């Protein structure tokens, strides 16, 4: 009796498989104490299907709800940008300019950029199984270098100091700033035009003065980043599409 009174449903639930358009997709279930109904979402950045359910709902009912809405899931998935894996012949934007990935198996080196017959290439040496990782590592290195240069430039202009800078594959936001002066960015900013990356670097540097989005913050940011509105518009229009590059 006492065990029943104090029983709590486990918060971690294994993803449930459902059939969508003839394929099996895993639906991640998340219990939320404030949820009053089932909420189904398809996350564009990760192509993940997420079902949020009330605290006391059963996994059986959740699965039935997901299966009932498999048509909606299929429609959402079909409207997502087509994945563009890092493989030979695929195209990837580097600083906003399209480059074709060219596997140069017999050449020495790792990854480099060159132009042939007017075409921009991202050349990758080594064995084919390592191509994806090498392209990914290269883009992350380039992103960190550009973001570090831009962030230091804006920090110096504002008279503030950056404690550290990291790049990750962030899904929910393009950058962040901690109260200790640590900046974090999405490496995918290297895929955008340079003025977009610059805007995010200026944005987070401005947070080293104002840790909010108050009127004062935007005044500071506009004072150092004249391309602010242009960059925000580009991100609103094209930002979500950056997550398709490197998707398997």
C-alpha atoms as a PDB file:
ATOM      1  CA  UNK A   1       0.000   0.000   0.000  1.00  0.00           C
ATOM      2  CA  UNK A   2       2.757   2.430   0.986  1.00  0.00           C
ATOM      3  CA  UNK A   3       4.735   1.517  -2.130  1.00  0.00           C
ATOM      4  CA  UNK A   4       1.759   2.438  -4.283  1.00  0.00           C
ATOM      5  CA  UNK A   5       1.380   5.790  -2.534  1.00  0.00           C
ATOM      6  CA  UNK A   6       5.004   6.783  -3.049  1.00  0.00           C
ATOM      7  CA  UNK A   7       5.471   5.248  -6.507  1.00  0.00           C
ATOM      8  CA  UNK A   8       6.819   7.618  -9.132  1.00  0.00           C
ATOM      9  CA  UNK A   9       6.821   6.888 -12.832  1.00  0.00           C
ATOM     10  CA  UNK A  10      10.349   6.766 -14.272  1.00  0.00           C
ATOM     11  CA  UNK A  11      11.276   9.951 -16.127  1.00  0.00           C
ATOM     12  CA  UNK A  12      13.497   8.171 -18.648  1.00  0.00           C
ATOM     13  CA  UNK A  13      11.506   6.329 -21.289  1.00  0.00           C
ATOM     14  CA  UNK A  14      13.022   4.355 -24.129  1.00  0.00           C
ATOM     15  CA  UNK A  15      12.108   5.749 -27.572  1.00  0.00           C
ATOM     16  CA  UNK A  16       9.179   3.955 -29.162  1.00  0.00           C
ATOM     17  CA  UNK A  17       9.271   2.781 -32.794  1.00  0.00           C
ATOM     18  CA  UNK A  18       6.374   3.639 -35.088  1.00  0.00           C
ATOM     19  CA  UNK A  19       5.869   3.107 -38.811  1.00  0.00           C
ATOM     20  CA  UNK A  20       5.928   6.318 -40.880  1.00  0.00           C
ATOM     21  CA  UNK A  21       5.730   6.205 -44.690  1.00  0.00           C
ATOM     22  CA  UNK A  22       6.910   2.602 -44.747  1.00  0.00           C
ATOM     23  CA  UNK A  23       9.915   3.345 -42.529  1.00  0.00           C
ATOM     24  CA  UNK A  24      10.431   2.950 -38.791  1.00  0.00           C
ATOM     25  CA  UNK A  25      10.999   6.138 -36.820  1.00  0.00           C
ATOM     26  CA  UNK A  26      11.834   6.404 -33.141  1.00  0.00           C
ATOM     27  CA  UNK A  27       9.653   8.737 -31.106  1.00  0.00           C
ATOM     28  CA  UNK A  28      11.271  10.157 -27.996  1.00  0.00           C
ATOM     29  CA  UNK A  29       8.830  10.502 -25.094  1.00  0.00           C
ATOM     30  CA  UNK A  30       9.265  13.146 -22.434  1.00  0.00           C
ATOM     31  CA  UNK A  31       7.105  13.431 -19.327  1.00  0.00           C
ATOM     32  CA  UNK A  32       6.508  16.962 -18.114  1.00  0.00           C
ATOM     33  CA  UNK A  33       4.871  17.813 -14.804  1.00  0.00           C
ATOM     34  CA  UNK A  34       3.146  20.901 -16.239  1.00  0.00           C
ATOM     35  CA  UNK A  35       1.847  19.197 -19.391  1.00  0.00           C
ATOM     36  CA  UNK A  36      -1.935  18.853 -19.577  1.00  0.00           C
ATOM     37  CA  UNK A  37      -2.132  17.233 -23.003  1.00  0.00           C
ATOM     38  CA  UNK A  38      -0.007  15.398 -25.531  1.00  0.00           C
ATOM     39  CA  UNK A  39       2.268  17.623 -27.656  1.00  0.00           C
ATOM     40  CA  UNK A  40       3.966  16.190 -30.733  1.00  0.00           C
ATOM     41  CA  UNK A  41       6.869  17.961 -32.438  1.00  0.00           C
ATOM     42  CA  UNK A  42       9.414  17.236 -35.150  1.00  0.00           C
ATOM     43  CA  UNK A  43      12.689  19.024 -34.370  1.00  0.00           C
ATOM     44  CA  UNK A  44      14.013  20.419 -37.635  1.00  0.00           C
ATOM     45  CA  UNK A  45      17.644  20.585 -36.519  1.00  0.00           C
ATOM     46  CA  UNK A  46      17.920  16.918 -35.546  1.00  0.00           C
ATOM     47  CA  UNK A  47      14.944  15.410 -37.456  1.00  0.00           C
ATOM     48  CA  UNK A  48      13.911  13.949 -34.101  1.00  0.00           C
ATOM     49  CA  UNK A  49      10.287  13.211 -33.240  1.00  0.00           C
ATOM     50  CA  UNK A  50       9.445  14.309 -29.693  1.00  0.00           C
ATOM     51  CA  UNK A  51       6.231  13.587 -27.814  1.00  0.00           C
ATOM     52  CA  UNK A  52       5.672  15.442 -24.539  1.00  0.00           C
ATOM     53  CA  UNK A  53       3.098  13.823 -22.248  1.00  0.00           C
ATOM     54  CA  UNK A  54       1.540  14.574 -18.840  1.00  0.00           C
ATOM     55  CA  UNK A  55       3.264  13.149 -15.783  1.00  0.00           C
ATOM     56  CA  UNK A  56       0.737  10.353 -15.179  1.00  0.00           C
ATOM     57  CA  UNK A  57       0.239   9.237 -18.782  1.00  0.00           C
ATOM     58  CA  UNK A  58       1.184   5.707 -19.768  1.00  0.00           C
ATOM     59  CA  UNK A  59       3.662   4.704 -22.445  1.00  0.00           C
ATOM     60  CA  UNK A  60       0.955   2.545 -24.026  1.00  0.00           C
ATOM     61  CA  UNK A  61      -1.325   5.562 -24.513  1.00  0.00           C
ATOM     62  CA  UNK A  62       1.596   7.648 -25.750  1.00  0.00           C
ATOM     63  CA  UNK A  63       2.448   5.068 -28.388  1.00  0.00           C
ATOM     64  CA  UNK A  64      -1.184   4.904 -29.516  1.00  0.00           C
ATOM     65  CA  UNK A  65      -1.237   8.714 -29.838  1.00  0.00           C
ATOM     66  CA  UNK A  66       1.977   8.719 -31.905  1.00  0.00           C
ATOM     67  CA  UNK A  67       0.686   5.978 -34.198  1.00  0.00           C
ATOM     68  CA  UNK A  68      -2.603   7.819 -34.664  1.00  0.00           C
ATOM     69  CA  UNK A  69      -0.663  10.891 -35.763  1.00  0.00           C
ATOM     70  CA  UNK A  70       1.857   9.074 -37.982  1.00  0.00           C
ATOM     71  CA  UNK A  71       0.433  10.874 -41.028  1.00  0.00           C
ATOM     72  CA  UNK A  72       1.171  14.258 -39.449  1.00  0.00           C
ATOM     73  CA  UNK A  73       4.712  13.102 -38.577  1.00  0.00           C
ATOM     74  CA  UNK A  74       5.258  11.922 -42.164  1.00  0.00           C
ATOM     75  CA  UNK A  75       4.102  15.277 -43.551  1.00  0.00           C
ATOM     76  CA  UNK A  76       6.419  17.216 -41.236  1.00  0.00           C
ATOM     77  CA  UNK A  77       9.402  15.020 -42.098  1.00  0.00           C
ATOM     78  CA  UNK A  78       8.748  15.411 -45.830  1.00  0.00           C
ATOM     79  CA  UNK A  79       8.865  19.201 -45.491  1.00  0.00           C
ATOM     80  CA  UNK A  80      12.241  19.215 -43.745  1.00  0.00           C
ATOM     81  CA  UNK A  81      15.309  20.185 -45.805  1.00  0.00           C
ATOM     82  CA  UNK A  82      16.910  17.185 -47.528  1.00  0.00           C
ATOM     83  CA  UNK A  83      19.988  15.945 -45.587  1.00  0.00           C
ATOM     84  CA  UNK A  84      23.328  16.779 -47.230  1.00  0.00           C
ATOM     85  CA  UNK A  85      25.910  14.332 -45.850  1.00  0.00           C
ATOM     86  CA  UNK A  86      29.623  15.047 -45.973  1.00  0.00           C
ATOM     87  CA  UNK A  87      30.426  12.703 -48.848  1.00  0.00           C
ATOM     88  CA  UNK A  88      32.225  12.851 -52.177  1.00  0.00           C
ATOM     89  CA  UNK A  89      30.366  15.026 -54.680  1.00  0.00           C
ATOM     90  CA  UNK A  90      28.058  16.685 -52.149  1.00  0.00           C
ATOM     91  CA  UNK A  91      28.022  20.456 -51.728  1.00  0.00           C
ATOM     92  CA  UNK A  92      28.605  22.335 -48.494  1.00  0.00           C
ATOM     93  CA  UNK A  93      28.646  26.110 -47.921  1.00  0.00           C
ATOM     94  CA  UNK A  94      31.886  27.454 -46.462  1.00  0.00           C
ATOM     95  CA  UNK A  95      31.558  31.044 -45.266  1.00  0.00           C
ATOM     96  CA  UNK A  96      28.410  31.241 -47.375  1.00  0.00           C
ATOM     97  CA  UNK A  97      30.005  30.042 -50.629  1.00  0.00           C
ATOM     98  CA  UNK A  98      29.173  26.605 -52.010  1.00  0.00           C
ATOM     99  CA  UNK A  99      32.058  24.127 -52.253  1.00  0.00           C
ATOM    100  CA  UNK A 100      31.894  20.657 -53.747  1.00  0.00           C
ATOM    101  CA  UNK A 101      33.446  17.949 -51.577  1.00  0.00           C
ATOM    102  CA  UNK A 102      36.144  16.209 -53.602  1.00  0.00           C
ATOM    103  CA  UNK A 103      37.698  13.004 -52.263  1.00  0.00           C
ATOM    104  CA  UNK A 104      41.402  13.005 -53.147  1.00  0.00           C
ATOM    105  CA  UNK A 105      42.335   9.574 -51.801  1.00  0.00           C
ATOM    106  CA  UNK A 106      45.863   9.433 -53.212  1.00  0.00           C
ATOM    107  CA  UNK A 107      46.941  12.908 -52.137  1.00  0.00           C
ATOM    108  CA  UNK A 108      48.640  13.774 -48.881  1.00  0.00           C
ATOM    109  CA  UNK A 109      47.187  16.092 -46.289  1.00  0.00           C
ATOM    110  CA  UNK A 110      43.811  16.352 -44.590  1.00  0.00           C
ATOM    111  CA  UNK A 111      41.346  18.967 -45.896  1.00  0.00           C
ATOM    112  CA  UNK A 112      42.033  22.019 -48.022  1.00  0.00           C
ATOM    113  CA  UNK A 113      40.259  24.453 -50.358  1.00  0.00           C
ATOM    114  CA  UNK A 114      41.180  24.916 -53.999  1.00  0.00           C
ATOM    115  CA  UNK A 115      39.629  26.132 -57.259  1.00  0.00           C
ATOM    116  CA  UNK A 116      39.493  24.055 -60.465  1.00  0.00           C
ATOM    117  CA  UNK A 117      38.010  25.397 -63.673  1.00  0.00           C
ATOM    118  CA  UNK A 118      36.241  28.103 -61.719  1.00  0.00           C
ATOM    119  CA  UNK A 119      34.675  25.657 -59.234  1.00  0.00           C
ATOM    120  CA  UNK A 120      35.335  25.900 -55.475  1.00  0.00           C
ATOM    121  CA  UNK A 121      36.332  22.544 -54.018  1.00  0.00           C
ATOM    122  CA  UNK A 122      36.730  21.225 -50.496  1.00  0.00           C
ATOM    123  CA  UNK A 123      39.377  18.573 -51.036  1.00  0.00           C
ATOM    124  CA  UNK A 124      39.688  15.692 -48.594  1.00  0.00           C
ATOM    125  CA  UNK A 125      42.616  13.271 -48.507  1.00  0.00           C
ATOM    126  CA  UNK A 126      42.690   9.811 -46.921  1.00  0.00           C
ATOM    127  CA  UNK A 127      40.451   6.786 -46.932  1.00  0.00           C
ATOM    128  CA  UNK A 128      36.740   7.119 -47.728  1.00  0.00           C
ATOM    129  CA  UNK A 129      35.490   5.919 -44.290  1.00  0.00           C
ATOM    130  CA  UNK A 130      37.221   8.940 -42.692  1.00  0.00           C
ATOM    131  CA  UNK A 131      35.850  11.560 -45.103  1.00  0.00           C
ATOM    132  CA  UNK A 132      32.842  12.620 -43.004  1.00  0.00           C
ATOM    133  CA  UNK A 133      34.912  13.036 -39.830  1.00  0.00           C
ATOM    134  CA  UNK A 134      37.652  14.945 -41.624  1.00  0.00           C
ATOM    135  CA  UNK A 135      35.227  17.423 -43.172  1.00  0.00           C
ATOM    136  CA  UNK A 136      33.430  17.861 -39.844  1.00  0.00           C
ATOM    137  CA  UNK A 137      36.704  18.416 -37.950  1.00  0.00           C
ATOM    138  CA  UNK A 138      37.899  20.912 -40.563  1.00  0.00           C
ATOM    139  CA  UNK A 139      34.702  22.972 -40.400  1.00  0.00           C
ATOM    140  CA  UNK A 140      34.817  23.046 -36.602  1.00  0.00           C
ATOM    141  CA  UNK A 141      38.446  24.229 -36.636  1.00  0.00           C
ATOM    142  CA  UNK A 142      37.644  26.957 -39.150  1.00  0.00           C
ATOM    143  CA  UNK A 143      34.591  27.997 -37.132  1.00  0.00           C
ATOM    144  CA  UNK A 144      36.578  28.281 -33.924  1.00  0.00           C
ATOM    145  CA  UNK A 145      39.302  30.312 -35.620  1.00  0.00           C
ATOM    146  CA  UNK A 146      36.870  32.785 -37.221  1.00  0.00           C
ATOM    147  CA  UNK A 147      34.737  33.073 -34.089  1.00  0.00           C
ATOM    148  CA  UNK A 148      37.754  33.584 -31.852  1.00  0.00           C
ATOM    149  CA  UNK A 149      39.129  36.339 -34.099  1.00  0.00           C
ATOM    150  CA  UNK A 150      35.763  38.105 -34.348  1.00  0.00           C
ATOM    151  CA  UNK A 151      34.935  37.754 -30.646  1.00  0.00           C
ATOM    152  CA  UNK A 152      38.320  39.099 -29.577  1.00  0.00           C
ATOM    153  CA  UNK A 153      37.946  42.031 -31.957  1.00  0.00           C
ATOM    154  CA  UNK A 154      34.535  42.998 -30.579  1.00  0.00           C
ATOM    155  CA  UNK A 155      35.592  42.358 -26.971  1.00  0.00           C
ATOM    156  CA  UNK A 156      38.542  44.711 -27.429  1.00  0.00           C
ATOM    157  CA  UNK A 157      36.227  47.334 -28.921  1.00  0.00           C
ATOM    158  CA  UNK A 158      33.960  47.045 -25.880  1.00  0.00           C
ATOM    159  CA  UNK A 159      36.794  46.883 -23.362  1.00  0.00           C
ATOM    160  CA  UNK A 160      35.827  43.453 -22.010  1.00  0.00           C
ATOM    161  CA  UNK A 161      37.649  40.136 -21.689  1.00  0.00           C
ATOM    162  CA  UNK A 162      36.708  36.697 -22.981  1.00  0.00           C
ATOM    163  CA  UNK A 163      37.588  33.901 -20.585  1.00  0.00           C
ATOM    164  CA  UNK A 164      37.127  31.007 -23.018  1.00  0.00           C
ATOM    165  CA  UNK A 165      35.456  30.097 -26.303  1.00  0.00           C
ATOM    166  CA  UNK A 166      34.088  26.745 -27.421  1.00  0.00           C
ATOM    167  CA  UNK A 167      32.263  25.523 -30.515  1.00  0.00           C
ATOM    168  CA  UNK A 168      29.636  22.791 -30.387  1.00  0.00           C
ATOM    169  CA  UNK A 169      26.733  21.515 -32.436  1.00  0.00           C
ATOM    170  CA  UNK A 170      24.116  23.518 -30.564  1.00  0.00           C
ATOM    171  CA  UNK A 171      20.531  22.959 -31.639  1.00  0.00           C
ATOM    172  CA  UNK A 172      18.430  25.496 -29.747  1.00  0.00           C
ATOM    173  CA  UNK A 173      20.609  28.606 -30.168  1.00  0.00           C
ATOM    174  CA  UNK A 174      23.551  29.882 -32.173  1.00  0.00           C
ATOM    175  CA  UNK A 175      25.569  31.230 -29.278  1.00  0.00           C
ATOM    176  CA  UNK A 176      25.633  31.789 -25.538  1.00  0.00           C
ATOM    177  CA  UNK A 177      27.567  33.731 -22.924  1.00  0.00           C
ATOM    178  CA  UNK A 178      28.064  32.804 -19.275  1.00  0.00           C
ATOM    179  CA  UNK A 179      28.411  35.225 -16.381  1.00  0.00           C
ATOM    180  CA  UNK A 180      32.039  34.100 -16.079  1.00  0.00           C
ATOM    181  CA  UNK A 181      32.909  35.291 -19.579  1.00  0.00           C
ATOM    182  CA  UNK A 182      32.785  31.928 -21.354  1.00  0.00           C
ATOM    183  CA  UNK A 183      31.394  32.073 -24.885  1.00  0.00           C
ATOM    184  CA  UNK A 184      29.940  29.127 -26.773  1.00  0.00           C
ATOM    185  CA  UNK A 185      28.879  28.987 -30.421  1.00  0.00           C
ATOM    186  CA  UNK A 186      27.469  26.597 -32.981  1.00  0.00           C
ATOM    187  CA  UNK A 187      30.189  25.485 -35.390  1.00  0.00           C
ATOM    188  CA  UNK A 188      27.576  25.700 -38.169  1.00  0.00           C
ATOM    189  CA  UNK A 189      28.076  29.463 -38.267  1.00  0.00           C
ATOM    190  CA  UNK A 190      31.081  28.779 -40.526  1.00  0.00           C
ATOM    191  CA  UNK A 191      28.526  27.711 -43.160  1.00  0.00           C
ATOM    192  CA  UNK A 192      26.850  31.134 -43.113  1.00  0.00           C
ATOM    193  CA  UNK A 193      28.111  34.345 -44.765  1.00  0.00           C
ATOM    194  CA  UNK A 194      30.875  36.045 -42.722  1.00  0.00           C
ATOM    195  CA  UNK A 195      28.636  38.952 -41.657  1.00  0.00           C
ATOM    196  CA  UNK A 196      26.326  36.440 -39.931  1.00  0.00           C
ATOM    197  CA  UNK A 197      29.172  34.893 -37.941  1.00  0.00           C
ATOM    198  CA  UNK A 198      30.403  38.391 -37.096  1.00  0.00           C
ATOM    199  CA  UNK A 199      26.962  39.347 -35.804  1.00  0.00           C
ATOM    200  CA  UNK A 200      26.838  36.366 -33.440  1.00  0.00           C
ATOM    201  CA  UNK A 201      30.348  37.118 -32.179  1.00  0.00           C
ATOM    202  CA  UNK A 202      29.341  40.749 -31.518  1.00  0.00           C
ATOM    203  CA  UNK A 203      26.079  39.607 -29.906  1.00  0.00           C
ATOM    204  CA  UNK A 204      27.794  37.400 -27.342  1.00  0.00           C
ATOM    205  CA  UNK A 205      30.574  39.915 -26.725  1.00  0.00           C
ATOM    206  CA  UNK A 206      27.910  42.524 -25.920  1.00  0.00           C
ATOM    207  CA  UNK A 207      26.501  40.128 -23.331  1.00  0.00           C
ATOM    208  CA  UNK A 208      29.759  40.497 -21.414  1.00  0.00           C
ATOM    209  CA  UNK A 209      28.436  43.972 -20.542  1.00  0.00           C
ATOM    210  CA  UNK A 210      24.681  43.326 -20.454  1.00  0.00           C
ATOM    211  CA  UNK A 211      23.574  39.749 -19.585  1.00  0.00           C
ATOM    212  CA  UNK A 212      20.098  40.348 -20.981  1.00  0.00           C
ATOM    213  CA  UNK A 213      18.297  41.615 -24.071  1.00  0.00           C
ATOM    214  CA  UNK A 214      17.368  45.006 -22.693  1.00  0.00           C
ATOM    215  CA  UNK A 215      17.247  48.234 -24.685  1.00  0.00           C
ATOM    216  CA  UNK A 216      20.750  49.010 -23.427  1.00  0.00           C
ATOM    217  CA  UNK A 217      22.027  45.687 -24.786  1.00  0.00           C
ATOM    218  CA  UNK A 218      20.661  46.358 -28.287  1.00  0.00           C
ATOM    219  CA  UNK A 219      22.087  49.882 -28.215  1.00  0.00           C
ATOM    220  CA  UNK A 220      25.531  48.476 -27.422  1.00  0.00           C
ATOM    221  CA  UNK A 221      25.230  45.835 -30.136  1.00  0.00           C
ATOM    222  CA  UNK A 222      24.073  48.277 -32.820  1.00  0.00           C
ATOM    223  CA  UNK A 223      27.051  50.477 -31.982  1.00  0.00           C
ATOM    224  CA  UNK A 224      29.540  47.766 -32.941  1.00  0.00           C
ATOM    225  CA  UNK A 225      27.580  45.717 -35.504  1.00  0.00           C
ATOM    226  CA  UNK A 226      26.080  47.707 -38.394  1.00  0.00           C
ATOM    227  CA  UNK A 227      25.059  44.451 -40.156  1.00  0.00           C
ATOM    228  CA  UNK A 228      22.804  43.431 -37.248  1.00  0.00           C
ATOM    229  CA  UNK A 229      19.450  43.555 -39.028  1.00  0.00           C
ATOM    230  CA  UNK A 230      20.791  41.976 -42.218  1.00  0.00           C
ATOM    231  CA  UNK A 231      22.322  39.101 -40.239  1.00  0.00           C
ATOM    232  CA  UNK A 232      19.171  38.510 -38.182  1.00  0.00           C
ATOM    233  CA  UNK A 233      17.094  38.379 -41.362  1.00  0.00           C
ATOM    234  CA  UNK A 234      19.476  35.858 -42.919  1.00  0.00           C
ATOM    235  CA  UNK A 235      19.329  33.612 -39.861  1.00  0.00           C
ATOM    236  CA  UNK A 236      15.536  33.794 -39.700  1.00  0.00           C
ATOM    237  CA  UNK A 237      15.322  32.829 -43.374  1.00  0.00           C
ATOM    238  CA  UNK A 238      18.174  30.347 -43.817  1.00  0.00           C
ATOM    239  CA  UNK A 239      19.392  29.395 -40.347  1.00  0.00           C
ATOM    240  CA  UNK A 240      17.364  26.197 -39.937  1.00  0.00           C
ATOM    241  CA  UNK A 241      18.708  24.895 -43.243  1.00  0.00           C
ATOM    242  CA  UNK A 242      22.272  24.858 -41.919  1.00  0.00           C
ATOM    243  CA  UNK A 243      21.411  21.840 -39.791  1.00  0.00           C
ATOM    244  CA  UNK A 244      20.941  19.615 -42.842  1.00  0.00           C
ATOM    245  CA  UNK A 245      24.647  19.673 -43.686  1.00  0.00           C
ATOM    246  CA  UNK A 246      26.473  16.646 -42.363  1.00  0.00           C
ATOM    247  CA  UNK A 247      23.215  14.844 -41.574  1.00  0.00           C
ATOM    248  CA  UNK A 248      23.410  11.127 -42.260  1.00  0.00           C
END
